[in-house]
PDB file of all heavy atoms in Angstrom:
ATOM      1  N   LEU A   1      29.941  18.050  -6.756  1.00  0.00           N
ATOM      2  CA  LEU A   1      28.878  17.333  -7.445  1.00  0.00           C
ATOM      3  C   LEU A   1      29.309  16.782  -8.872  1.00  0.00           C
ATOM      4  O   LEU A   1      30.304  17.257  -9.368  1.00  0.00           O
ATOM      5  CB  LEU A   1      27.627  18.211  -7.533  1.00  0.00           C
ATOM      6  CG  LEU A   1      26.732  18.244  -6.292  1.00  0.00           C
ATOM      7  CD1 LEU A   1      27.467  18.650  -5.020  1.00  0.00           C
ATOM      8  CD2 LEU A   1      25.557  19.217  -6.538  1.00  0.00           C
ATOM      9  N   PRO A   2      28.492  15.902  -9.382  1.00  0.00           N
ATOM     10  CA  PRO A   2      28.850  15.354 -10.725  1.00  0.00           C
ATOM     11  C   PRO A   2      29.146  16.420 -11.793  1.00  0.00           C
ATOM     12  O   PRO A   2      30.077  16.187 -12.602  1.00  0.00           O
ATOM     13  CB  PRO A   2      27.686  14.455 -11.067  1.00  0.00           C
ATOM     14  CG  PRO A   2      27.123  14.038  -9.772  1.00  0.00           C
ATOM     15  CD  PRO A   2      27.330  15.215  -8.809  1.00  0.00           C
ATOM     16  N   LEU A   3      28.426  17.489 -11.890  1.00  0.00           N
ATOM     17  CA  LEU A   3      28.564  18.546 -12.906  1.00  0.00           C
ATOM     18  C   LEU A   3      29.602  19.621 -12.438  1.00  0.00           C
ATOM     19  O   LEU A   3      29.745  20.584 -13.226  1.00  0.00           O
ATOM     20  CB  LEU A   3      27.306  19.057 -13.284  1.00  0.00           C
ATOM     21  CG  LEU A   3      26.312  18.139 -14.013  1.00  0.00           C
ATOM     22  CD1 LEU A   3      25.027  18.833 -14.433  1.00  0.00           C
ATOM     23  CD2 LEU A   3      26.993  17.465 -15.160  1.00  0.00           C
ATOM     24  N   GLY A   4      30.155  19.517 -11.290  1.00  0.00           N
ATOM     25  CA  GLY A   4      31.243  20.404 -10.892  1.00  0.00           C
ATOM     26  C   GLY A   4      30.934  21.444  -9.847  1.00  0.00           C
ATOM     27  O   GLY A   4      31.833  22.205  -9.420  1.00  0.00           O
ATOM     28  N   THR A   5      29.723  21.555  -9.358  1.00  0.00           N
ATOM     29  CA  THR A   5      29.395  22.470  -8.268  1.00  0.00           C
ATOM     30  C   THR A   5      30.143  22.059  -7.003  1.00  0.00           C
ATOM     31  O   THR A   5      30.221  20.863  -6.697  1.00  0.00           O
ATOM     32  CB  THR A   5      27.904  22.488  -7.997  1.00  0.00           C
ATOM     33  OG1 THR A   5      27.197  22.897  -9.123  1.00  0.00           O
ATOM     34  CG2 THR A   5      27.618  23.501  -6.898  1.00  0.00           C
ATOM     35  N   THR A   6      30.814  22.996  -6.361  1.00  0.00           N
ATOM     36  CA  THR A   6      31.561  22.733  -5.161  1.00  0.00           C
ATOM     37  C   THR A   6      30.993  23.332  -3.917  1.00  0.00           C
ATOM     38  O   THR A   6      30.353  24.385  -3.959  1.00  0.00           O
ATOM     39  CB  THR A   6      33.060  23.177  -5.356  1.00  0.00           C
ATOM     40  OG1 THR A   6      33.020  24.637  -5.558  1.00  0.00           O
ATOM     41  CG2 THR A   6      33.683  22.442  -6.472  1.00  0.00           C
ATOM     42  N   TYR A   7      31.343  22.722  -2.787  1.00  0.00           N
ATOM     43  CA  TYR A   7      30.934  23.180  -1.504  1.00  0.00           C
ATOM     44  C   TYR A   7      32.043  23.023  -0.510  1.00  0.00           C
ATOM     45  O   TYR A   7      32.811  22.067  -0.597  1.00  0.00           O
ATOM     46  CB  TYR A   7      29.656  22.408  -0.959  1.00  0.00           C
ATOM     47  CG  TYR A   7      28.491  22.541  -1.811  1.00  0.00           C
ATOM     48  CD1 TYR A   7      28.261  21.581  -2.791  1.00  0.00           C
ATOM     49  CD2 TYR A   7      27.559  23.549  -1.652  1.00  0.00           C
ATOM     50  CE1 TYR A   7      27.204  21.696  -3.680  1.00  0.00           C
ATOM     51  CE2 TYR A   7      26.488  23.643  -2.464  1.00  0.00           C
ATOM     52  CZ  TYR A   7      26.261  22.673  -3.513  1.00  0.00           C
ATOM     53  OH  TYR A   7      25.155  22.869  -4.313  1.00  0.00           O
ATOM     54  N   TYR A   8      32.169  23.930   0.439  1.00  0.00           N
ATOM     55  CA  TYR A   8      33.261  23.946   1.430  1.00  0.00           C
ATOM     56  C   TYR A   8      32.833  24.207   2.827  1.00  0.00           C
ATOM     57  O   TYR A   8      31.834  25.030   3.007  1.00  0.00           O
ATOM     58  CB  TYR A   8      34.310  24.973   1.072  1.00  0.00           C
ATOM     59  CG  TYR A   8      34.948  24.736  -0.302  1.00  0.00           C
ATOM     60  CD1 TYR A   8      34.494  25.316  -1.431  1.00  0.00           C
ATOM     61  CD2 TYR A   8      36.092  23.920  -0.439  1.00  0.00           C
ATOM     62  CE1 TYR A   8      35.070  25.101  -2.692  1.00  0.00           C
ATOM     63  CE2 TYR A   8      36.717  23.688  -1.624  1.00  0.00           C
ATOM     64  CZ  TYR A   8      36.122  24.275  -2.753  1.00  0.00           C
ATOM     65  OH  TYR A   8      36.774  24.055  -4.012  1.00  0.00           O
ATOM     66  N   ALA A   9      33.484  23.638   3.820  1.00  0.00           N
ATOM     67  CA  ALA A   9      33.225  24.023   5.167  1.00  0.00           C
ATOM     68  C   ALA A   9      33.817  25.423   5.355  1.00  0.00           C
ATOM     69  O   ALA A   9      34.767  25.861   4.695  1.00  0.00           O
ATOM     70  CB  ALA A   9      33.973  23.082   6.074  1.00  0.00           C
ATOM     71  N   ASP A  10      33.177  26.204   6.198  1.00  0.00           N
ATOM     72  CA  ASP A  10      33.645  27.591   6.474  1.00  0.00           C
ATOM     73  C   ASP A  10      35.116  27.663   6.840  1.00  0.00           C
ATOM     74  O   ASP A  10      35.818  28.608   6.509  1.00  0.00           O
ATOM     75  CB  ASP A  10      32.763  28.282   7.489  1.00  0.00           C
ATOM     76  CG  ASP A  10      31.352  28.636   7.006  1.00  0.00           C
ATOM     77  OD1 ASP A  10      31.182  28.598   5.787  1.00  0.00           O
ATOM     78  OD2 ASP A  10      30.508  28.823   7.878  1.00  0.00           O
ATOM     79  N   SER A  11      35.574  26.648   7.610  1.00  0.00           N
ATOM     80  CA  SER A  11      36.913  26.700   8.056  1.00  0.00           C
ATOM     81  C   SER A  11      37.962  26.594   7.030  1.00  0.00           C
ATOM     82  O   SER A  11      39.152  26.889   7.262  1.00  0.00           O
ATOM     83  CB  SER A  11      37.110  25.541   9.082  1.00  0.00           C
ATOM     84  OG  SER A  11      36.878  24.292   8.476  1.00  0.00           O
ATOM     85  N   VAL A  12      37.579  26.151   5.810  1.00  0.00           N
ATOM     86  CA  VAL A  12      38.590  25.934   4.756  1.00  0.00           C
ATOM     87  C   VAL A  12      38.306  26.876   3.506  1.00  0.00           C
ATOM     88  O   VAL A  12      39.108  26.785   2.580  1.00  0.00           O
ATOM     89  CB  VAL A  12      38.717  24.512   4.327  1.00  0.00           C
ATOM     90  CG1 VAL A  12      38.976  23.614   5.496  1.00  0.00           C
ATOM     91  CG2 VAL A  12      37.489  24.007   3.583  1.00  0.00           C
ATOM     92  N   LYS A  13      37.253  27.578   3.462  1.00  0.00           N
ATOM     93  CA  LYS A  13      36.988  28.406   2.330  1.00  0.00           C
ATOM     94  C   LYS A  13      38.101  29.381   2.091  1.00  0.00           C
ATOM     95  O   LYS A  13      38.634  29.982   2.957  1.00  0.00           O
ATOM     96  CB  LYS A  13      35.675  29.158   2.567  1.00  0.00           C
ATOM     97  CG  LYS A  13      34.408  28.313   2.416  1.00  0.00           C
ATOM     98  CD  LYS A  13      33.085  29.164   2.618  1.00  0.00           C
ATOM     99  CE  LYS A  13      31.899  28.324   2.441  1.00  0.00           C
ATOM    100  NZ  LYS A  13      30.624  29.122   2.692  1.00  0.00           N
ATOM    101  N   GLY A  14      38.449  29.548   0.794  1.00  0.00           N
ATOM    102  CA  GLY A  14      39.500  30.449   0.423  1.00  0.00           C
ATOM    103  C   GLY A  14      40.871  29.787   0.481  1.00  0.00           C
ATOM    104  O   GLY A  14      41.845  30.339  -0.011  1.00  0.00           O
ATOM    105  N   ARG A  15      40.977  28.626   1.143  1.00  0.00           N
ATOM    106  CA  ARG A  15      42.268  27.944   1.272  1.00  0.00           C
ATOM    107  C   ARG A  15      42.308  26.644   0.565  1.00  0.00           C
ATOM    108  O   ARG A  15      43.382  26.243  -0.024  1.00  0.00           O
ATOM    109  CB  ARG A  15      42.614  27.677   2.758  1.00  0.00           C
ATOM    110  CG  ARG A  15      42.661  28.987   3.530  1.00  0.00           C
ATOM    111  CD  ARG A  15      43.242  28.719   4.931  1.00  0.00           C
ATOM    112  NE  ARG A  15      42.329  27.845   5.723  1.00  0.00           N
ATOM    113  CZ  ARG A  15      42.717  26.690   6.219  1.00  0.00           C
ATOM    114  NH1 ARG A  15      43.937  26.200   6.051  1.00  0.00           N
ATOM    115  NH2 ARG A  15      41.828  25.911   6.935  1.00  0.00           N
ATOM    116  N   PHE A  16      41.213  25.914   0.552  1.00  0.00           N
ATOM    117  CA  PHE A  16      41.190  24.547  -0.093  1.00  0.00           C
ATOM    118  C   PHE A  16      40.381  24.636  -1.428  1.00  0.00           C
ATOM    119  O   PHE A  16      39.399  25.393  -1.501  1.00  0.00           O
ATOM    120  CB  PHE A  16      40.572  23.532   0.759  1.00  0.00           C
ATOM    121  CG  PHE A  16      41.273  23.180   2.068  1.00  0.00           C
ATOM    122  CD1 PHE A  16      42.472  23.859   2.433  1.00  0.00           C
ATOM    123  CD2 PHE A  16      40.869  22.103   2.832  1.00  0.00           C
ATOM    124  CE1 PHE A  16      43.172  23.531   3.546  1.00  0.00           C
ATOM    125  CE2 PHE A  16      41.574  21.792   4.004  1.00  0.00           C
ATOM    126  CZ  PHE A  16      42.707  22.462   4.338  1.00  0.00           C
ATOM    127  N   THR A  17      40.730  23.845  -2.377  1.00  0.00           N
ATOM    128  CA  THR A  17      39.986  23.762  -3.599  1.00  0.00           C
ATOM    129  C   THR A  17      39.817  22.247  -3.999  1.00  0.00           C
ATOM    130  O   THR A  17      40.755  21.479  -4.012  1.00  0.00           O
ATOM    131  CB  THR A  17      40.708  24.416  -4.747  1.00  0.00           C
ATOM    132  OG1 THR A  17      40.945  25.758  -4.452  1.00  0.00           O
ATOM    133  CG2 THR A  17      39.883  24.267  -5.967  1.00  0.00           C
ATOM    134  N   ILE A  18      38.548  21.802  -4.157  1.00  0.00           N
ATOM    135  CA  ILE A  18      38.277  20.480  -4.596  1.00  0.00           C
ATOM    136  C   ILE A  18      38.002  20.464  -6.128  1.00  0.00           C
ATOM    137  O   ILE A  18      37.437  21.426  -6.603  1.00  0.00           O
ATOM    138  CB  ILE A  18      37.077  19.873  -3.813  1.00  0.00           C
ATOM    139  CG1 ILE A  18      36.865  18.371  -4.145  1.00  0.00           C
ATOM    140  CG2 ILE A  18      35.770  20.722  -4.123  1.00  0.00           C
ATOM    141  CD1 ILE A  18      35.846  17.745  -3.252  1.00  0.00           C
ATOM    142  N   SER A  19      38.504  19.449  -6.803  1.00  0.00           N
ATOM    143  CA  SER A  19      38.291  19.294  -8.221  1.00  0.00           C
ATOM    144  C   SER A  19      38.233  17.852  -8.547  1.00  0.00           C
ATOM    145  O   SER A  19      38.545  17.034  -7.762  1.00  0.00           O
ATOM    146  CB  SER A  19      39.434  20.030  -9.022  1.00  0.00           C
ATOM    147  OG  SER A  19      40.656  19.434  -8.666  1.00  0.00           O
ATOM    148  N   ARG A  20      37.793  17.536  -9.812  1.00  0.00           N
ATOM    149  CA  ARG A  20      37.725  16.202 -10.210  1.00  0.00           C
ATOM    150  C   ARG A  20      38.145  16.087 -11.698  1.00  0.00           C
ATOM    151  O   ARG A  20      37.976  16.992 -12.487  1.00  0.00           O
ATOM    152  CB  ARG A  20      36.311  15.655 -10.047  1.00  0.00           C
ATOM    153  CG  ARG A  20      35.256  16.186 -10.875  1.00  0.00           C
ATOM    154  CD  ARG A  20      33.848  15.894 -10.394  1.00  0.00           C
ATOM    155  NE  ARG A  20      33.575  14.463 -10.418  1.00  0.00           N
ATOM    156  CZ  ARG A  20      32.687  13.846  -9.716  1.00  0.00           C
ATOM    157  NH1 ARG A  20      31.875  14.579  -8.904  1.00  0.00           N
ATOM    158  NH2 ARG A  20      32.512  12.455  -9.804  1.00  0.00           N
ATOM    159  N   ASP A  21      38.658  14.943 -12.025  1.00  0.00           N
ATOM    160  CA  ASP A  21      39.052  14.610 -13.384  1.00  0.00           C
ATOM    161  C   ASP A  21      38.305  13.255 -13.707  1.00  0.00           C
ATOM    162  O   ASP A  21      38.771  12.204 -13.299  1.00  0.00           O
ATOM    163  CB  ASP A  21      40.506  14.430 -13.545  1.00  0.00           C
ATOM    164  CG  ASP A  21      40.897  14.271 -15.027  1.00  0.00           C
ATOM    165  OD1 ASP A  21      40.055  13.803 -15.798  1.00  0.00           O
ATOM    166  OD2 ASP A  21      42.054  14.539 -15.352  1.00  0.00           O
ATOM    167  N   ASN A  22      37.121  13.345 -14.314  1.00  0.00           N
ATOM    168  CA  ASN A  22      36.361  12.181 -14.568  1.00  0.00           C
ATOM    169  C   ASN A  22      37.036  11.141 -15.461  1.00  0.00           C
ATOM    170  O   ASN A  22      36.860   9.892 -15.411  1.00  0.00           O
ATOM    171  CB  ASN A  22      35.017  12.521 -15.140  1.00  0.00           C
ATOM    172  CG  ASN A  22      34.112  13.251 -14.095  1.00  0.00           C
ATOM    173  OD1 ASN A  22      34.299  13.067 -12.867  1.00  0.00           O
ATOM    174  ND2 ASN A  22      33.135  13.963 -14.617  1.00  0.00           N
ATOM    175  N   ALA A  23      37.850  11.671 -16.382  1.00  0.00           N
ATOM    176  CA  ALA A  23      38.603  10.746 -17.294  1.00  0.00           C
ATOM    177  C   ALA A  23      39.610   9.892 -16.527  1.00  0.00           C
ATOM    178  O   ALA A  23      39.913   8.764 -16.990  1.00  0.00           O
ATOM    179  CB  ALA A  23      39.320  11.552 -18.347  1.00  0.00           C
ATOM    180  N   LYS A  24      40.052  10.381 -15.381  1.00  0.00           N
ATOM    181  CA  LYS A  24      40.970   9.592 -14.606  1.00  0.00           C
ATOM    182  C   LYS A  24      40.416   8.993 -13.349  1.00  0.00           C
ATOM    183  O   LYS A  24      41.109   8.384 -12.550  1.00  0.00           O
ATOM    184  CB  LYS A  24      42.158  10.562 -14.127  1.00  0.00           C
ATOM    185  CG  LYS A  24      42.954  11.081 -15.274  1.00  0.00           C
ATOM    186  CD  LYS A  24      44.097  11.988 -14.751  1.00  0.00           C
ATOM    187  CE  LYS A  24      44.964  12.419 -15.889  1.00  0.00           C
ATOM    188  NZ  LYS A  24      46.064  13.340 -15.462  1.00  0.00           N
ATOM    189  N   ASN A  25      39.076   9.160 -13.201  1.00  0.00           N
ATOM    190  CA  ASN A  25      38.360   8.722 -11.976  1.00  0.00           C
ATOM    191  C   ASN A  25      39.065   9.141 -10.687  1.00  0.00           C
ATOM    192  O   ASN A  25      39.294   8.363  -9.764  1.00  0.00           O
ATOM    193  CB  ASN A  25      38.359   7.131 -11.996  1.00  0.00           C
ATOM    194  CG  ASN A  25      37.173   6.584 -12.777  1.00  0.00           C
ATOM    195  OD1 ASN A  25      36.590   7.227 -13.619  1.00  0.00           O
ATOM    196  ND2 ASN A  25      36.843   5.316 -12.502  1.00  0.00           N
ATOM    197  N   THR A  26      39.393  10.448 -10.601  1.00  0.00           N
ATOM    198  CA  THR A  26      40.170  10.983  -9.528  1.00  0.00           C
ATOM    199  C   THR A  26      39.578  12.305  -9.079  1.00  0.00           C
ATOM    200  O   THR A  26      39.165  13.123  -9.885  1.00  0.00           O
ATOM    201  CB  THR A  26      41.618  11.144  -9.941  1.00  0.00           C
ATOM    202  OG1 THR A  26      42.163   9.934 -10.334  1.00  0.00           O
ATOM    203  CG2 THR A  26      42.424  11.708  -8.765  1.00  0.00           C
ATOM    204  N   VAL A  27      39.560  12.491  -7.771  1.00  0.00           N
ATOM    205  CA  VAL A  27      39.179  13.684  -7.145  1.00  0.00           C
ATOM    206  C   VAL A  27      40.396  14.232  -6.357  1.00  0.00           C
ATOM    207  O   VAL A  27      41.164  13.425  -5.795  1.00  0.00           O
ATOM    208  CB  VAL A  27      37.931  13.557  -6.251  1.00  0.00           C
ATOM    209  CG1 VAL A  27      38.214  12.663  -5.128  1.00  0.00           C
ATOM    210  CG2 VAL A  27      37.454  14.984  -5.754  1.00  0.00           C
ATOM    211  N   TYR A  28      40.516  15.583  -6.351  1.00  0.00           N
ATOM    212  CA  TYR A  28      41.721  16.206  -5.752  1.00  0.00           C
ATOM    213  C   TYR A  28      41.278  17.195  -4.673  1.00  0.00           C
ATOM    214  O   TYR A  28      40.168  17.715  -4.689  1.00  0.00           O
ATOM    215  CB  TYR A  28      42.510  16.971  -6.737  1.00  0.00           C
ATOM    216  CG  TYR A  28      43.004  16.138  -7.915  1.00  0.00           C
ATOM    217  CD1 TYR A  28      42.210  16.128  -9.072  1.00  0.00           C
ATOM    218  CD2 TYR A  28      44.159  15.353  -7.834  1.00  0.00           C
ATOM    219  CE1 TYR A  28      42.622  15.357 -10.167  1.00  0.00           C
ATOM    220  CE2 TYR A  28      44.537  14.624  -8.924  1.00  0.00           C
ATOM    221  CZ  TYR A  28      43.776  14.594 -10.097  1.00  0.00           C
ATOM    222  OH  TYR A  28      44.214  13.847 -11.178  1.00  0.00           O
ATOM    223  N   LEU A  29      42.128  17.420  -3.689  1.00  0.00           N
ATOM    224  CA  LEU A  29      41.936  18.448  -2.717  1.00  0.00           C
ATOM    225  C   LEU A  29      43.242  19.240  -2.616  1.00  0.00           C
ATOM    226  O   LEU A  29      44.275  18.711  -2.007  1.00  0.00           O
ATOM    227  CB  LEU A  29      41.597  17.879  -1.321  1.00  0.00           C
ATOM    228  CG  LEU A  29      41.201  18.965  -0.296  1.00  0.00           C
ATOM    229  CD1 LEU A  29      39.915  19.708  -0.682  1.00  0.00           C
ATOM    230  CD2 LEU A  29      41.074  18.334   1.084  1.00  0.00           C
TER     231      LEU A  29
END
């Protein structure tokens, strides 16, 4: 979400991490 709250599918919890860098207009997985 815009303020940083994250959600994951059960199949990837604990393995994948989503993040964002608003200064770079970029989201990562």
